[in-house]
C-alpha cells in the first residue's frame, strides 16, 4: 500500500517503477484488503467494459450496490477503487481517474 496519494495513472507509474503494477483482484484473499485505494481496473478504453490492467477479463466482481455508475460531477468515472468501512465484500466503486487516493501495487511471479 502506498504512503502517497495521487491520480490512478500516478499510482500505476509508481508501481511500474517498482517492477510491479496496480493490484488485480483475482481471489477472495486479495479482496479482503481493508483500505481505500486504487486497484488495477478501468473502463477507460471502452465505457462500461471493465478490464484489468493485465488484460484479463473481469470475472470476480465486488461492486458496491449501484456501482459502477459513471456519475462523477460531470467527469467520467473510469477507474476503480476499494472503499473502506463496508460491512461486506462488495466495496468497489468507480471514480474519476484524476481523484487522489493511495494505491496498492502487486508484483507478479
PDB file of N, CA and C in Angstrom:
ATOM      1  N   UNK A   1       0.853  -1.182   0.000  1.00  0.00           N
ATOM      2  CA  UNK A   1       0.000   0.000   0.000  1.00  0.00           C
ATOM      3  C   UNK A   1       0.888   1.231   0.000  1.00  0.00           C
ATOM      4  N   UNK A   2       0.605   2.157  -0.886  1.00  0.00           N
ATOM      5  CA  UNK A   2       1.426   3.361  -0.969  1.00  0.00           C
ATOM      6  C   UNK A   2       1.184   4.277   0.224  1.00  0.00           C
ATOM      7  N   UNK A   3       2.190   5.031   0.545  1.00  0.00           N
ATOM      8  CA  UNK A   3       2.042   6.079   1.560  1.00  0.00           C
ATOM      9  C   UNK A   3       1.593   7.380   0.908  1.00  0.00           C
ATOM     10  N   UNK A   4       1.810   7.477  -0.394  1.00  0.00           N
ATOM     11  CA  UNK A   4       1.437   8.667  -1.149  1.00  0.00           C
ATOM     12  C   UNK A   4       0.017   8.530  -1.680  1.00  0.00           C
ATOM     13  N   UNK A   5      -0.524   9.649  -2.126  1.00  0.00           N
ATOM     14  CA  UNK A   5      -1.803   9.642  -2.826  1.00  0.00           C
ATOM     15  C   UNK A   5      -1.618  10.346  -4.153  1.00  0.00           C
ATOM     16  N   UNK A   6      -2.508  10.060  -5.078  1.00  0.00           N
ATOM     17  CA  UNK A   6      -2.448  10.706  -6.375  1.00  0.00           C
ATOM     18  C   UNK A   6      -3.474  10.103  -7.303  1.00  0.00           C
ATOM     19  N   UNK A   7      -3.514  10.599  -8.546  1.00  0.00           N
ATOM     20  CA  UNK A   7      -4.418  10.043  -9.542  1.00  0.00           C
ATOM     21  C   UNK A   7      -4.061   8.593  -9.860  1.00  0.00           C
ATOM     22  N   UNK A   8      -4.990   7.878 -10.448  1.00  0.00           N
ATOM     23  CA  UNK A   8      -4.822   6.468 -10.798  1.00  0.00           C
ATOM     24  C   UNK A   8      -3.556   6.257 -11.619  1.00  0.00           C
ATOM     25  N   UNK A   9      -3.342   7.089 -12.633  1.00  0.00           N
ATOM     26  CA  UNK A   9      -2.180   6.922 -13.517  1.00  0.00           C
ATOM     27  C   UNK A   9      -0.870   7.111 -12.756  1.00  0.00           C
ATOM     28  N   UNK A  10      -0.826   8.037 -11.809  1.00  0.00           N
ATOM     29  CA  UNK A  10       0.383   8.214 -10.992  1.00  0.00           C
ATOM     30  C   UNK A  10       0.660   6.960 -10.171  1.00  0.00           C
ATOM     31  N   UNK A  11      -0.397   6.364  -9.630  1.00  0.00           N
ATOM     32  CA  UNK A  11      -0.239   5.126  -8.885  1.00  0.00           C
ATOM     33  C   UNK A  11       0.319   4.026  -9.765  1.00  0.00           C
ATOM     34  N   UNK A  12      -0.194   3.934 -10.974  1.00  0.00           N
ATOM     35  CA  UNK A  12       0.294   2.902 -11.891  1.00  0.00           C
ATOM     36  C   UNK A  12       1.759   3.137 -12.248  1.00  0.00           C
ATOM     37  N   UNK A  13       2.134   4.381 -12.503  1.00  0.00           N
ATOM     38  CA  UNK A  13       3.530   4.679 -12.823  1.00  0.00           C
ATOM     39  C   UNK A  13       4.448   4.357 -11.644  1.00  0.00           C
ATOM     40  N   UNK A  14       3.998   4.662 -10.428  1.00  0.00           N
ATOM     41  CA  UNK A  14       4.795   4.359  -9.240  1.00  0.00           C
ATOM     42  C   UNK A  14       4.987   2.846  -9.100  1.00  0.00           C
ATOM     43  N   UNK A  15       3.921   2.100  -9.287  1.00  0.00           N
ATOM     44  CA  UNK A  15       4.026   0.638  -9.202  1.00  0.00           C
ATOM     45  C   UNK A  15       4.996   0.107 -10.253  1.00  0.00           C
ATOM     46  N   UNK A  16       4.876   0.589 -11.472  1.00  0.00           N
ATOM     47  CA  UNK A  16       5.748   0.119 -12.552  1.00  0.00           C
ATOM     48  C   UNK A  16       7.209   0.462 -12.273  1.00  0.00           C
ATOM     49  N   UNK A  17       7.451   1.615 -11.679  1.00  0.00           N
ATOM     50  CA  UNK A  17       8.823   1.993 -11.324  1.00  0.00           C
ATOM     51  C   UNK A  17       9.407   1.029 -10.297  1.00  0.00           C
ATOM     52  N   UNK A  18       8.551   0.343  -9.580  1.00  0.00           N
ATOM     53  CA  UNK A  18       8.978  -0.637  -8.572  1.00  0.00           C
ATOM     54  C   UNK A  18       8.969  -2.067  -9.111  1.00  0.00           C
ATOM     55  N   UNK A  19       8.771  -2.204 -10.424  1.00  0.00           N
ATOM     56  CA  UNK A  19       8.738  -3.533 -11.029  1.00  0.00           C
ATOM     57  C   UNK A  19       7.442  -4.274 -10.768  1.00  0.00           C
ATOM     58  N   UNK A  20       6.367  -3.534 -10.536  1.00  0.00           N
ATOM     59  CA  UNK A  20       5.068  -4.125 -10.214  1.00  0.00           C
ATOM     60  C   UNK A  20       3.998  -3.421 -11.045  1.00  0.00           C
ATOM     61  N   UNK A  21       2.753  -3.581 -10.673  1.00  0.00           N
ATOM     62  CA  UNK A  21       1.645  -2.853 -11.292  1.00  0.00           C
ATOM     63  C   UNK A  21       0.535  -2.766 -10.255  1.00  0.00           C
ATOM     64  N   UNK A  22      -0.503  -2.024 -10.541  1.00  0.00           N
ATOM     65  CA  UNK A  22      -1.631  -1.953  -9.621  1.00  0.00           C
ATOM     66  C   UNK A  22      -2.210  -3.348  -9.420  1.00  0.00           C
ATOM     67  N   UNK A  23      -2.746  -3.586  -8.249  1.00  0.00           N
ATOM     68  CA  UNK A  23      -3.240  -4.920  -7.897  1.00  0.00           C
ATOM     69  C   UNK A  23      -4.424  -5.336  -8.770  1.00  0.00           C
ATOM     70  N   UNK A  24      -4.428  -6.603  -9.149  1.00  0.00           N
ATOM     71  CA  UNK A  24      -5.550  -7.238  -9.838  1.00  0.00           C
ATOM     72  C   UNK A  24      -6.232  -8.132  -8.801  1.00  0.00           C
ATOM     73  N   UNK A  25      -7.496  -7.855  -8.516  1.00  0.00           N
ATOM     74  CA  UNK A  25      -8.240  -8.637  -7.523  1.00  0.00           C
ATOM     75  C   UNK A  25      -8.775  -9.891  -8.217  1.00  0.00           C
ATOM     76  N   UNK A  26      -8.032 -10.979  -8.098  1.00  0.00           N
ATOM     77  CA  UNK A  26      -8.430 -12.220  -8.758  1.00  0.00           C
ATOM     78  C   UNK A  26      -8.640 -13.362  -7.768  1.00  0.00           C
ATOM     79  N   UNK A  27      -8.769 -13.001  -6.506  1.00  0.00           N
ATOM     80  CA  UNK A  27      -9.044 -14.017  -5.483  1.00  0.00           C
ATOM     81  C   UNK A  27      -9.702 -13.347  -4.284  1.00  0.00           C
ATOM     82  N   UNK A  28     -10.403 -14.129  -3.505  1.00  0.00           N
ATOM     83  CA  UNK A  28     -11.050 -13.617  -2.300  1.00  0.00           C
ATOM     84  C   UNK A  28     -10.017 -13.064  -1.328  1.00  0.00           C
ATOM     85  N   UNK A  29      -8.847 -13.684  -1.269  1.00  0.00           N
ATOM     86  CA  UNK A  29      -7.803 -13.239  -0.348  1.00  0.00           C
ATOM     87  C   UNK A  29      -7.389 -11.796  -0.625  1.00  0.00           C
ATOM     88  N   UNK A  30      -7.320 -11.425  -1.894  1.00  0.00           N
ATOM     89  CA  UNK A  30      -6.945 -10.048  -2.240  1.00  0.00           C
ATOM     90  C   UNK A  30      -8.095  -9.082  -1.994  1.00  0.00           C
ATOM     91  N   UNK A  31      -9.323  -9.564  -2.070  1.00  0.00           N
ATOM     92  CA  UNK A  31     -10.488  -8.705  -1.902  1.00  0.00           C
ATOM     93  C   UNK A  31     -10.660  -8.240  -0.471  1.00  0.00           C
ATOM     94  N   UNK A  32     -10.134  -8.934   0.487  1.00  0.00           N
ATOM     95  CA  UNK A  32     -10.371  -8.578   1.883  1.00  0.00           C
ATOM     96  C   UNK A  32      -9.463  -7.452   2.375  1.00  0.00           C
ATOM     97  N   UNK A  33      -8.748  -6.797   1.475  1.00  0.00           N
ATOM     98  CA  UNK A  33      -7.944  -5.638   1.855  1.00  0.00           C
ATOM     99  C   UNK A  33      -8.871  -4.578   2.432  1.00  0.00           C
ATOM    100  N   UNK A  34      -8.535  -4.051   3.566  1.00  0.00           N
ATOM    101  CA  UNK A  34      -9.406  -3.080   4.229  1.00  0.00           C
ATOM    102  C   UNK A  34      -8.793  -1.686   4.195  1.00  0.00           C
ATOM    103  N   UNK A  35      -8.621  -1.187   3.001  1.00  0.00           N
ATOM    104  CA  UNK A  35      -8.071   0.147   2.841  1.00  0.00           C
ATOM    105  C   UNK A  35      -8.694   0.793   1.616  1.00  0.00           C
ATOM    106  N   UNK A  36      -8.767   2.098   1.594  1.00  0.00           N
ATOM    107  CA  UNK A  36      -9.290   2.802   0.422  1.00  0.00           C
ATOM    108  C   UNK A  36      -8.125   3.085  -0.507  1.00  0.00           C
ATOM    109  N   UNK A  37      -8.166   2.506  -1.694  1.00  0.00           N
ATOM    110  CA  UNK A  37      -7.039   2.646  -2.609  1.00  0.00           C
ATOM    111  C   UNK A  37      -7.448   2.281  -4.031  1.00  0.00           C
ATOM    112  N   UNK A  38      -6.670   2.813  -4.983  1.00  0.00           N
ATOM    113  CA  UNK A  38      -6.855   2.444  -6.383  1.00  0.00           C
ATOM    114  C   UNK A  38      -6.509   0.976  -6.575  1.00  0.00           C
ATOM    115  N   UNK A  39      -7.274   0.311  -7.452  1.00  0.00           N
ATOM    116  CA  UNK A  39      -6.939  -1.038  -7.898  1.00  0.00           C
ATOM    117  C   UNK A  39      -6.769  -0.983  -9.416  1.00  0.00           C
ATOM    118  N   UNK A  40      -6.239  -2.040  -9.996  1.00  0.00           N
ATOM    119  CA  UNK A  40      -5.898  -2.029 -11.420  1.00  0.00           C
ATOM    120  C   UNK A  40      -7.042  -2.361 -12.350  1.00  0.00           C
ATOM    121  N   UNK A  41      -8.157  -1.669 -12.213  1.00  0.00           N
ATOM    122  CA  UNK A  41      -9.358  -1.933 -13.004  1.00  0.00           C
ATOM    123  C   UNK A  41      -9.842  -0.631 -13.627  1.00  0.00           C
ATOM    124  N   UNK A  42     -10.094  -0.642 -14.938  1.00  0.00           N
ATOM    125  CA  UNK A  42     -10.506   0.570 -15.632  1.00  0.00           C
ATOM    126  C   UNK A  42     -11.429   0.243 -16.809  1.00  0.00           C
ATOM    127  N   UNK A  43     -12.274   1.213 -17.153  1.00  0.00           N
ATOM    128  CA  UNK A  43     -13.074   1.100 -18.379  1.00  0.00           C
ATOM    129  C   UNK A  43     -12.765   2.277 -19.295  1.00  0.00           C
ATOM    130  N   UNK A  44     -11.555   2.813 -19.164  1.00  0.00           N
ATOM    131  CA  UNK A  44     -11.148   3.983 -19.933  1.00  0.00           C
ATOM    132  C   UNK A  44     -11.136   3.714 -21.442  1.00  0.00           C
ATOM    133  N   UNK A  45     -10.781   2.507 -21.854  1.00  0.00           N
ATOM    134  CA  UNK A  45     -10.721   2.192 -23.289  1.00  0.00           C
ATOM    135  C   UNK A  45     -12.112   2.133 -23.913  1.00  0.00           C
ATOM    136  N   UNK A  46     -13.086   1.592 -23.177  1.00  0.00           N
ATOM    137  CA  UNK A  46     -14.454   1.467 -23.691  1.00  0.00           C
ATOM    138  C   UNK A  46     -15.421   1.543 -22.518  1.00  0.00           C
ATOM    139  N   UNK A  47     -16.205   2.603 -22.472  1.00  0.00           N
ATOM    140  CA  UNK A  47     -17.116   2.845 -21.354  1.00  0.00           C
ATOM    141  C   UNK A  47     -18.006   1.636 -21.093  1.00  0.00           C
ATOM    142  N   UNK A  48     -17.981   1.188 -19.830  1.00  0.00           N
ATOM    143  CA  UNK A  48     -18.820   0.079 -19.413  1.00  0.00           C
ATOM    144  C   UNK A  48     -18.165  -1.289 -19.526  1.00  0.00           C
ATOM    145  N   UNK A  49     -17.020  -1.358 -20.194  1.00  0.00           N
ATOM    146  CA  UNK A  49     -16.279  -2.616 -20.302  1.00  0.00           C
ATOM    147  C   UNK A  49     -15.064  -2.534 -19.389  1.00  0.00           C
ATOM    148  N   UNK A  50     -15.190  -3.110 -18.220  1.00  0.00           N
ATOM    149  CA  UNK A  50     -14.134  -3.043 -17.208  1.00  0.00           C
ATOM    150  C   UNK A  50     -13.113  -4.144 -17.452  1.00  0.00           C
ATOM    151  N   UNK A  51     -11.852  -3.742 -17.557  1.00  0.00           N
ATOM    152  CA  UNK A  51     -10.749  -4.655 -17.851  1.00  0.00           C
ATOM    153  C   UNK A  51      -9.642  -4.431 -16.824  1.00  0.00           C
ATOM    154  N   UNK A  52      -9.037  -5.523 -16.377  1.00  0.00           N
ATOM    155  CA  UNK A  52      -7.865  -5.422 -15.503  1.00  0.00           C
ATOM    156  C   UNK A  52      -6.671  -4.948 -16.322  1.00  0.00           C
ATOM    157  N   UNK A  53      -5.745  -4.271 -15.672  1.00  0.00           N
ATOM    158  CA  UNK A  53      -4.592  -3.717 -16.384  1.00  0.00           C
ATOM    159  C   UNK A  53      -3.696  -4.772 -17.003  1.00  0.00           C
ATOM    160  N   UNK A  54      -3.802  -6.023 -16.554  1.00  0.00           N
ATOM    161  CA  UNK A  54      -3.021  -7.095 -17.176  1.00  0.00           C
ATOM    162  C   UNK A  54      -3.743  -7.673 -18.392  1.00  0.00           C
ATOM    163  N   UNK A  55      -4.884  -7.073 -18.760  1.00  0.00           N
ATOM    164  CA  UNK A  55      -5.647  -7.503 -19.928  1.00  0.00           C
ATOM    165  C   UNK A  55      -6.678  -8.578 -19.639  1.00  0.00           C
ATOM    166  N   UNK A  56      -6.708  -9.084 -18.420  1.00  0.00           N
ATOM    167  CA  UNK A  56      -7.659 -10.151 -18.096  1.00  0.00           C
ATOM    168  C   UNK A  56      -9.070  -9.599 -17.930  1.00  0.00           C
ATOM    169  N   UNK A  57     -10.033 -10.449 -18.237  1.00  0.00           N
ATOM    170  CA  UNK A  57     -11.440 -10.081 -18.130  1.00  0.00           C
ATOM    171  C   UNK A  57     -11.854 -10.001 -16.666  1.00  0.00           C
ATOM    172  N   UNK A  58     -12.847  -9.216 -16.408  1.00  0.00           N
ATOM    173  CA  UNK A  58     -13.411  -9.083 -15.067  1.00  0.00           C
ATOM    174  C   UNK A  58     -14.334 -10.276 -14.825  1.00  0.00           C
ATOM    175  N   UNK A  59     -13.930 -11.189 -13.961  1.00  0.00           N
ATOM    176  CA  UNK A  59     -14.753 -12.360 -13.654  1.00  0.00           C
ATOM    177  C   UNK A  59     -15.277 -12.279 -12.227  1.00  0.00           C
ATOM    178  N   UNK A  60     -14.404 -12.078 -11.263  1.00  0.00           N
ATOM    179  CA  UNK A  60     -14.849 -11.825  -9.887  1.00  0.00           C
ATOM    180  C   UNK A  60     -15.233 -10.364  -9.793  1.00  0.00           C
ATOM    181  N   UNK A  61     -16.412 -10.066  -9.273  1.00  0.00           N
ATOM    182  CA  UNK A  61     -16.846  -8.673  -9.155  1.00  0.00           C
ATOM    183  C   UNK A  61     -17.319  -8.396  -7.747  1.00  0.00           C
ATOM    184  N   UNK A  62     -16.842  -7.300  -7.191  1.00  0.00           N
ATOM    185  CA  UNK A  62     -17.227  -6.899  -5.845  1.00  0.00           C
ATOM    186  C   UNK A  62     -17.701  -5.444  -5.838  1.00  0.00           C
ATOM    187  N   UNK A  63     -18.518  -5.084  -6.828  1.00  0.00           N
ATOM    188  CA  UNK A  63     -19.028  -3.722  -6.909  1.00  0.00           C
ATOM    189  C   UNK A  63     -19.976  -3.443  -5.751  1.00  0.00           C
ATOM    190  N   UNK A  64     -19.895  -2.257  -5.229  1.00  0.00           N
ATOM    191  CA  UNK A  64     -20.842  -1.765  -4.243  1.00  0.00           C
ATOM    192  C   UNK A  64     -22.211  -1.668  -4.923  1.00  0.00           C
ATOM    193  N   UNK A  65     -23.283  -1.766  -4.175  1.00  0.00           N
ATOM    194  CA  UNK A  65     -24.622  -1.682  -4.762  1.00  0.00           C
ATOM    195  C   UNK A  65     -24.767  -0.380  -5.553  1.00  0.00           C
ATOM    196  N   UNK A  66     -25.277  -0.494  -6.780  1.00  0.00           N
ATOM    197  CA  UNK A  66     -25.476   0.671  -7.636  1.00  0.00           C
ATOM    198  C   UNK A  66     -24.236   1.100  -8.402  1.00  0.00           C
ATOM    199  N   UNK A  67     -23.150   0.375  -8.254  1.00  0.00           N
ATOM    200  CA  UNK A  67     -21.900   0.716  -8.920  1.00  0.00           C
ATOM    201  C   UNK A  67     -21.565  -0.342  -9.967  1.00  0.00           C
ATOM    202  N   UNK A  68     -20.820  -0.015 -10.967  1.00  0.00           N
ATOM    203  CA  UNK A  68     -20.315   1.305 -11.312  1.00  0.00           C
ATOM    204  C   UNK A  68     -21.425   2.158 -11.919  1.00  0.00           C
ATOM    205  N   UNK A  69     -21.392   3.448 -11.656  1.00  0.00           N
ATOM    206  CA  UNK A  69     -22.471   4.311 -12.141  1.00  0.00           C
ATOM    207  C   UNK A  69     -22.008   5.455 -13.044  1.00  0.00           C
ATOM    208  N   UNK A  70     -20.709   5.672 -13.149  1.00  0.00           N
ATOM    209  CA  UNK A  70     -20.155   6.721 -14.012  1.00  0.00           C
ATOM    210  C   UNK A  70     -20.765   8.092 -13.732  1.00  0.00           C
ATOM    211  N   UNK A  71     -21.071   8.379 -12.476  1.00  0.00           N
ATOM    212  CA  UNK A  71     -21.666   9.672 -12.121  1.00  0.00           C
ATOM    213  C   UNK A  71     -20.710  10.439 -11.222  1.00  0.00           C
ATOM    214  N   UNK A  72     -19.825  11.202 -11.822  1.00  0.00           N
ATOM    215  CA  UNK A  72     -18.792  11.879 -11.052  1.00  0.00           C
ATOM    216  C   UNK A  72     -18.702  13.365 -11.288  1.00  0.00           C
ATOM    217  N   UNK A  73     -19.709  14.114 -10.905  1.00  0.00           N
ATOM    218  CA  UNK A  73     -19.655  15.577 -11.013  1.00  0.00           C
ATOM    219  C   UNK A  73     -19.174  16.031 -12.387  1.00  0.00           C
ATOM    220  N   UNK A  74     -19.845  15.551 -13.428  1.00  0.00           N
ATOM    221  CA  UNK A  74     -19.537  15.909 -14.813  1.00  0.00           C
ATOM    222  C   UNK A  74     -18.176  15.422 -15.283  1.00  0.00           C
ATOM    223  N   UNK A  75     -17.589  14.461 -14.580  1.00  0.00           N
ATOM    224  CA  UNK A  75     -16.340  13.838 -15.013  1.00  0.00           C
ATOM    225  C   UNK A  75     -16.607  12.345 -15.163  1.00  0.00           C
ATOM    226  N   UNK A  76     -16.066  11.732 -16.210  1.00  0.00           N
ATOM    227  CA  UNK A  76     -16.253  10.282 -16.333  1.00  0.00           C
ATOM    228  C   UNK A  76     -15.552   9.543 -15.200  1.00  0.00           C
ATOM    229  N   UNK A  77     -16.168   8.480 -14.738  1.00  0.00           N
ATOM    230  CA  UNK A  77     -15.587   7.643 -13.689  1.00  0.00           C
ATOM    231  C   UNK A  77     -15.067   6.365 -14.340  1.00  0.00           C
ATOM    232  N   UNK A  78     -13.802   6.366 -14.687  1.00  0.00           N
ATOM    233  CA  UNK A  78     -13.216   5.269 -15.450  1.00  0.00           C
ATOM    234  C   UNK A  78     -12.220   4.420 -14.680  1.00  0.00           C
ATOM    235  N   UNK A  79     -12.012   4.703 -13.398  1.00  0.00           N
ATOM    236  CA  UNK A  79     -11.044   3.950 -12.603  1.00  0.00           C
ATOM    237  C   UNK A  79     -11.720   3.432 -11.336  1.00  0.00           C
ATOM    238  N   UNK A  80     -11.299   2.247 -10.902  1.00  0.00           N
ATOM    239  CA  UNK A  80     -11.936   1.599  -9.750  1.00  0.00           C
ATOM    240  C   UNK A  80     -11.063   1.689  -8.507  1.00  0.00           C
ATOM    241  N   UNK A  81     -11.735   1.742  -7.364  1.00  0.00           N
ATOM    242  CA  UNK A  81     -11.029   1.737  -6.087  1.00  0.00           C
ATOM    243  C   UNK A  81     -11.823   0.936  -5.076  1.00  0.00           C
ATOM    244  N   UNK A  82     -11.146   0.575  -4.001  1.00  0.00           N
ATOM    245  CA  UNK A  82     -11.764  -0.123  -2.875  1.00  0.00           C
ATOM    246  C   UNK A  82     -12.178   0.927  -1.858  1.00  0.00           C
ATOM    247  N   UNK A  83     -13.385   0.786  -1.319  1.00  0.00           N
ATOM    248  CA  UNK A  83     -13.892   1.678  -0.274  1.00  0.00           C
ATOM    249  C   UNK A  83     -13.751   0.979   1.069  1.00  0.00           C
ATOM    250  N   UNK A  84     -13.267   1.686   2.059  1.00  0.00           N
ATOM    251  CA  UNK A  84     -13.156   1.100   3.396  1.00  0.00           C
ATOM    252  C   UNK A  84     -14.456   1.269   4.158  1.00  0.00           C
ATOM    253  N   UNK A  85     -14.593   0.520   5.214  1.00  0.00           N
ATOM    254  CA  UNK A  85     -15.738   0.669   6.096  1.00  0.00           C
ATOM    255  C   UNK A  85     -16.973  -0.093   5.666  1.00  0.00           C
ATOM    256  N   UNK A  86     -16.883  -0.854   4.588  1.00  0.00           N
ATOM    257  CA  UNK A  86     -18.023  -1.648   4.151  1.00  0.00           C
ATOM    258  C   UNK A  86     -18.137  -2.889   5.029  1.00  0.00           C
ATOM    259  N   UNK A  87     -19.356  -3.290   5.323  1.00  0.00           N
ATOM    260  CA  UNK A  87     -19.564  -4.463   6.176  1.00  0.00           C
ATOM    261  C   UNK A  87     -19.572  -5.760   5.384  1.00  0.00           C
ATOM    262  N   UNK A  88     -19.557  -5.658   4.067  1.00  0.00           N
ATOM    263  CA  UNK A  88     -19.485  -6.866   3.252  1.00  0.00           C
ATOM    264  C   UNK A  88     -18.345  -6.714   2.252  1.00  0.00           C
ATOM    265  N   UNK A  89     -18.153  -7.703   1.430  1.00  0.00           N
ATOM    266  CA  UNK A  89     -17.043  -7.680   0.481  1.00  0.00           C
ATOM    267  C   UNK A  89     -17.294  -6.792  -0.725  1.00  0.00           C
ATOM    268  N   UNK A  90     -18.533  -6.380  -0.950  1.00  0.00           N
ATOM    269  CA  UNK A  90     -18.848  -5.554  -2.114  1.00  0.00           C
ATOM    270  C   UNK A  90     -18.479  -4.104  -1.827  1.00  0.00           C
ATOM    271  N   UNK A  91     -17.217  -3.775  -2.130  1.00  0.00           N
ATOM    272  CA  UNK A  91     -16.717  -2.456  -1.758  1.00  0.00           C
ATOM    273  C   UNK A  91     -15.958  -1.756  -2.879  1.00  0.00           C
ATOM    274  N   UNK A  92     -16.244  -2.104  -4.135  1.00  0.00           N
ATOM    275  CA  UNK A  92     -15.625  -1.388  -5.243  1.00  0.00           C
ATOM    276  C   UNK A  92     -16.527  -0.238  -5.666  1.00  0.00           C
ATOM    277  N   UNK A  93     -15.894   0.823  -6.133  1.00  0.00           N
ATOM    278  CA  UNK A  93     -16.595   1.998  -6.628  1.00  0.00           C
ATOM    279  C   UNK A  93     -15.806   2.535  -7.814  1.00  0.00           C
ATOM    280  N   UNK A  94     -16.498   3.207  -8.734  1.00  0.00           N
ATOM    281  CA  UNK A  94     -15.790   3.890  -9.812  1.00  0.00           C
ATOM    282  C   UNK A  94     -15.677   5.372  -9.482  1.00  0.00           C
ATOM    283  N   UNK A  95     -14.544   5.955  -9.841  1.00  0.00           N
ATOM    284  CA  UNK A  95     -14.248   7.365  -9.588  1.00  0.00           C
ATOM    285  C   UNK A  95     -13.552   7.966 -10.799  1.00  0.00           C
ATOM    286  N   UNK A  96     -13.564   9.309 -10.911  1.00  0.00           N
ATOM    287  CA  UNK A  96     -12.715   9.929 -11.925  1.00  0.00           C
ATOM    288  C   UNK A  96     -11.252   9.569 -11.642  1.00  0.00           C
ATOM    289  N   UNK A  97     -10.530   9.226 -12.672  1.00  0.00           N
ATOM    290  CA  UNK A  97      -9.140   8.789 -12.508  1.00  0.00           C
ATOM    291  C   UNK A  97      -8.244   9.886 -11.945  1.00  0.00           C
ATOM    292  N   UNK A  98      -8.685  11.138 -12.011  1.00  0.00           N
ATOM    293  CA  UNK A  98      -7.883  12.258 -11.519  1.00  0.00           C
ATOM    294  C   UNK A  98      -7.956  12.413 -10.000  1.00  0.00           C
ATOM    295  N   UNK A  99      -8.903  11.743  -9.361  1.00  0.00           N
ATOM    296  CA  UNK A  99      -9.016  11.852  -7.898  1.00  0.00           C
ATOM    297  C   UNK A  99      -7.744  11.345  -7.233  1.00  0.00           C
ATOM    298  N   UNK A 100      -7.486  11.837  -6.024  1.00  0.00           N
ATOM    299  CA  UNK A 100      -6.284  11.458  -5.291  1.00  0.00           C
ATOM    300  C   UNK A 100      -6.587  10.399  -4.244  1.00  0.00           C
ATOM    301  N   UNK A 101      -6.008   9.219  -4.432  1.00  0.00           N
ATOM    302  CA  UNK A 101      -6.111   8.113  -3.480  1.00  0.00           C
ATOM    303  C   UNK A 101      -4.746   7.457  -3.379  1.00  0.00           C
ATOM    304  N   UNK A 102      -4.562   6.639  -2.367  1.00  0.00           N
ATOM    305  CA  UNK A 102      -3.368   5.795  -2.352  1.00  0.00           C
ATOM    306  C   UNK A 102      -3.623   4.628  -3.302  1.00  0.00           C
ATOM    307  N   UNK A 103      -2.643   3.763  -3.470  1.00  0.00           N
ATOM    308  CA  UNK A 103      -2.782   2.654  -4.401  1.00  0.00           C
ATOM    309  C   UNK A 103      -2.093   1.423  -3.845  1.00  0.00           C
ATOM    310  N   UNK A 104      -2.457   0.278  -4.409  1.00  0.00           N
ATOM    311  CA  UNK A 104      -1.886  -0.998  -3.989  1.00  0.00           C
ATOM    312  C   UNK A 104      -1.140  -1.590  -5.176  1.00  0.00           C
ATOM    313  N   UNK A 105       0.155  -1.836  -4.987  1.00  0.00           N
ATOM    314  CA  UNK A 105       0.974  -2.455  -6.029  1.00  0.00           C
ATOM    315  C   UNK A 105       1.047  -3.959  -5.806  1.00  0.00           C
ATOM    316  N   UNK A 106       1.263  -4.669  -6.898  1.00  0.00           N
ATOM    317  CA  UNK A 106       1.392  -6.123  -6.844  1.00  0.00           C
ATOM    318  C   UNK A 106       2.469  -6.544  -7.831  1.00  0.00           C
ATOM    319  N   UNK A 107       3.386  -7.365  -7.357  1.00  0.00           N
ATOM    320  CA  UNK A 107       4.425  -7.925  -8.216  1.00  0.00           C
ATOM    321  C   UNK A 107       3.985  -9.312  -8.655  1.00  0.00           C
ATOM    322  N   UNK A 108       3.965  -9.542  -9.957  1.00  0.00           N
ATOM    323  CA  UNK A 108       3.592 -10.860 -10.489  1.00  0.00           C
ATOM    324  C   UNK A 108       4.816 -11.764 -10.483  1.00  0.00           C
ATOM    325  N   UNK A 109       4.575 -13.048 -10.255  1.00  0.00           N
ATOM    326  CA  UNK A 109       5.677 -14.021 -10.276  1.00  0.00           C
ATOM    327  C   UNK A 109       6.125 -14.311 -11.688  1.00  0.00           C
TER     328      UNK A 109
END
